[in-house]
């Protein structure tokens, strides 16, 4: 890590805490159903464009909860160990998730996703920018010496 490693750790931990708060409701079928219902309510209340939230079956809720648990565990790893490596992996993951959100929006998904997309991009650019700056600060230094 660079001289700004404390800032990088705070950004990685901060984005992990955001992820923890946002994904924890999706970690059980019962809370996921409430969270998805809230997204549907938001779509309707704000008269957003795109397809409203569909009804979710038990199988849908299983997969939502499965991925919710994985996201929560990944967030906990980054809260406990906010390393440059974890930040880099998370930055790549955020880019992929943001791409899927853009695709979903282009295909007519509810515009509720825009709020999530903005936060994904913010986390991606914050972490990615610091990681690139840290990498430039180590130009010419072998990775084993860092």
Protein backbone atom coordinates (compact mmCIF):
# COMPACT_ATOMS: atom_id res chain seq x y z
CA UNK A 1 0.00 0.00 0.00
CA UNK A 2 1.04 3.61 -0.49
CA UNK A 3 1.52 6.41 2.01
CA UNK A 4 -2.25 6.91 1.66
CA UNK A 5 -2.88 3.33 2.77
CA UNK A 6 -4.91 4.52 5.75
CA UNK A 7 -7.26 6.37 3.38
CA UNK A 8 -7.48 3.29 1.15
CA UNK A 9 -8.32 1.09 4.16
CA UNK A 10 -11.03 3.57 5.22
CA UNK A 11 -12.53 3.62 1.70
CA UNK A 12 -12.48 -0.20 1.43
CA UNK A 13 -14.01 -0.53 4.90
CA UNK A 14 -16.56 2.22 4.20
CA UNK A 15 -17.75 0.60 0.98
CA UNK A 16 -17.93 -2.71 2.82
CA UNK A 17 -20.07 -1.17 5.56
CA UNK A 18 -22.37 0.32 2.91
CA UNK A 19 -22.64 -3.12 1.27
CA UNK A 20 -23.35 -4.73 4.63
CA UNK A 21 -26.22 -2.33 5.37
CA UNK A 22 -27.67 -2.65 1.85
CA UNK A 23 -27.31 -6.43 1.45
CA UNK A 24 -28.15 -7.62 4.97
CA UNK A 25 -31.91 -7.33 4.31
CA UNK A 26 -31.50 -9.74 1.38
CA UNK A 27 -29.79 -12.43 3.48
CA UNK A 28 -32.97 -14.23 4.58
CA UNK A 29 -36.11 -15.04 2.58
CA UNK A 30 -38.28 -13.15 5.09
CA UNK A 31 -36.28 -9.94 5.09
CA UNK A 32 -35.64 -10.19 1.33
CA UNK A 33 -39.38 -10.28 0.75
CA UNK A 34 -39.75 -7.08 2.76
CA UNK A 35 -36.82 -5.39 0.96
CA UNK A 36 -38.16 -6.36 -2.46
CA UNK A 37 -41.60 -5.14 -1.43
CA UNK A 38 -40.07 -1.79 -0.41
CA UNK A 39 -38.40 -1.55 -3.82
CA UNK A 40 -41.77 -2.24 -5.46
CA UNK A 41 -43.47 0.35 -3.28
CA UNK A 42 -40.79 2.92 -4.18
CA UNK A 43 -41.26 2.17 -7.88
CA UNK A 44 -45.01 2.75 -7.58
CA UNK A 45 -44.86 5.73 -5.20
CA UNK A 46 -42.41 7.62 -7.42
CA UNK A 47 -44.14 6.51 -10.65
CA UNK A 48 -40.78 5.34 -11.99
CA UNK A 49 -40.29 4.04 -15.48
CA UNK A 50 -39.50 0.45 -16.18
CA UNK A 51 -41.09 -2.78 -15.21
CA UNK A 52 -42.44 -2.88 -11.64
CA UNK A 53 -41.11 -5.49 -9.25
CA UNK A 54 -42.63 -8.87 -10.09
CA UNK A 55 -44.01 -11.23 -7.45
CA UNK A 56 -41.23 -13.46 -6.14
CA UNK A 57 -41.76 -17.19 -5.63
CA UNK A 58 -40.04 -19.25 -2.94
CA UNK A 59 -37.38 -20.26 -5.47
CA UNK A 60 -36.68 -16.63 -6.37
CA UNK A 61 -36.37 -15.77 -2.68
CA UNK A 62 -33.98 -18.70 -2.21
CA UNK A 63 -31.59 -17.31 -4.82
CA UNK A 64 -31.96 -13.72 -3.60
CA UNK A 65 -31.11 -14.90 -0.07
CA UNK A 66 -28.25 -17.10 -1.23
CA UNK A 67 -26.60 -14.18 -2.97
CA UNK A 68 -27.51 -11.89 -0.07
CA UNK A 69 -25.60 -14.16 2.32
CA UNK A 70 -22.58 -14.22 0.00
CA UNK A 71 -22.63 -10.43 -0.32
CA UNK A 72 -22.87 -10.04 3.47
CA UNK A 73 -19.94 -12.41 4.02
CA UNK A 74 -17.84 -10.58 1.42
CA UNK A 75 -18.66 -7.28 3.16
CA UNK A 76 -17.62 -8.72 6.54
CA UNK A 77 -14.28 -9.87 5.07
CA UNK A 78 -13.60 -6.32 3.87
CA UNK A 79 -14.67 -4.75 7.16
CA UNK A 80 -12.31 -7.03 9.10
CA UNK A 81 -9.46 -6.94 6.55
CA UNK A 82 -9.69 -3.82 4.36
CA UNK A 83 -6.63 -4.65 2.24
CA UNK A 84 -5.64 -3.31 -1.17
CA UNK A 85 -6.23 -6.78 -2.62
CA UNK A 86 -9.77 -6.92 -1.23
CA UNK A 87 -10.37 -3.39 -2.50
CA UNK A 88 -9.13 -4.35 -5.97
CA UNK A 89 -11.33 -7.45 -6.08
CA UNK A 90 -14.29 -5.40 -4.91
CA UNK A 91 -13.61 -2.71 -7.51
CA UNK A 92 -13.76 -5.31 -10.29
CA UNK A 93 -16.93 -6.81 -8.77
CA UNK A 94 -18.55 -3.36 -8.64
CA UNK A 95 -17.74 -2.80 -12.32
CA UNK A 96 -19.39 -6.10 -13.24
CA UNK A 97 -22.44 -5.47 -11.05
CA UNK A 98 -22.78 -1.94 -12.48
CA UNK A 99 -22.63 -3.37 -16.01
CA UNK A 100 -25.44 -5.82 -15.17
CA UNK A 101 -27.49 -2.97 -13.70
CA UNK A 102 -27.03 -0.89 -16.87
CA UNK A 103 -28.08 -3.91 -18.93
CA UNK A 104 -31.15 -4.48 -16.75
CA UNK A 105 -32.12 -0.81 -17.03
CA UNK A 106 -31.64 -0.92 -20.81
CA UNK A 107 -33.95 -3.93 -20.92
CA UNK A 108 -36.67 -2.10 -19.02
CA UNK A 109 -36.08 -2.90 -15.35
CA UNK A 110 -37.42 -0.56 -12.69
CA UNK A 111 -35.55 2.70 -12.32
CA UNK A 112 -35.16 1.93 -8.61
CA UNK A 113 -31.91 0.35 -9.79
CA UNK A 114 -30.49 3.79 -10.60
CA UNK A 115 -29.91 4.51 -6.90
CA UNK A 116 -27.99 1.24 -6.54
CA UNK A 117 -26.07 1.94 -9.76
CA UNK A 118 -24.95 5.37 -8.56
CA UNK A 119 -23.60 3.86 -5.33
CA UNK A 120 -21.85 0.99 -7.19
CA UNK A 121 -20.13 3.48 -9.47
CA UNK A 122 -19.19 5.75 -6.57
CA UNK A 123 -17.57 2.85 -4.71
CA UNK A 124 -15.86 1.62 -7.87
CA UNK A 125 -14.35 5.02 -8.69
CA UNK A 126 -13.36 5.79 -5.08
CA UNK A 127 -11.57 2.48 -4.55
CA UNK A 128 -10.26 2.22 -8.09
CA UNK A 129 -8.85 5.74 -8.06
CA UNK A 130 -7.00 5.17 -4.80
CA UNK A 131 -5.72 1.79 -5.95
CA UNK A 132 -4.38 3.28 -9.18
CA UNK A 133 -2.72 6.10 -7.23
CA UNK A 134 -1.18 3.57 -4.84
CA UNK A 135 0.08 1.51 -7.78
CA UNK A 136 1.67 4.59 -9.41
CA UNK A 137 3.34 5.37 -6.08
CA UNK A 138 5.02 1.95 -6.21
CA UNK A 139 6.21 2.17 -9.82
CA UNK A 140 9.44 0.26 -10.15
CA UNK A 141 9.13 -1.44 -6.75
CA UNK A 142 8.76 -5.22 -7.02
CA UNK A 143 5.48 -6.54 -5.62
CA UNK A 144 7.39 -8.75 -3.17
CA UNK A 145 9.00 -5.65 -1.64
CA UNK A 146 5.70 -3.92 -0.85
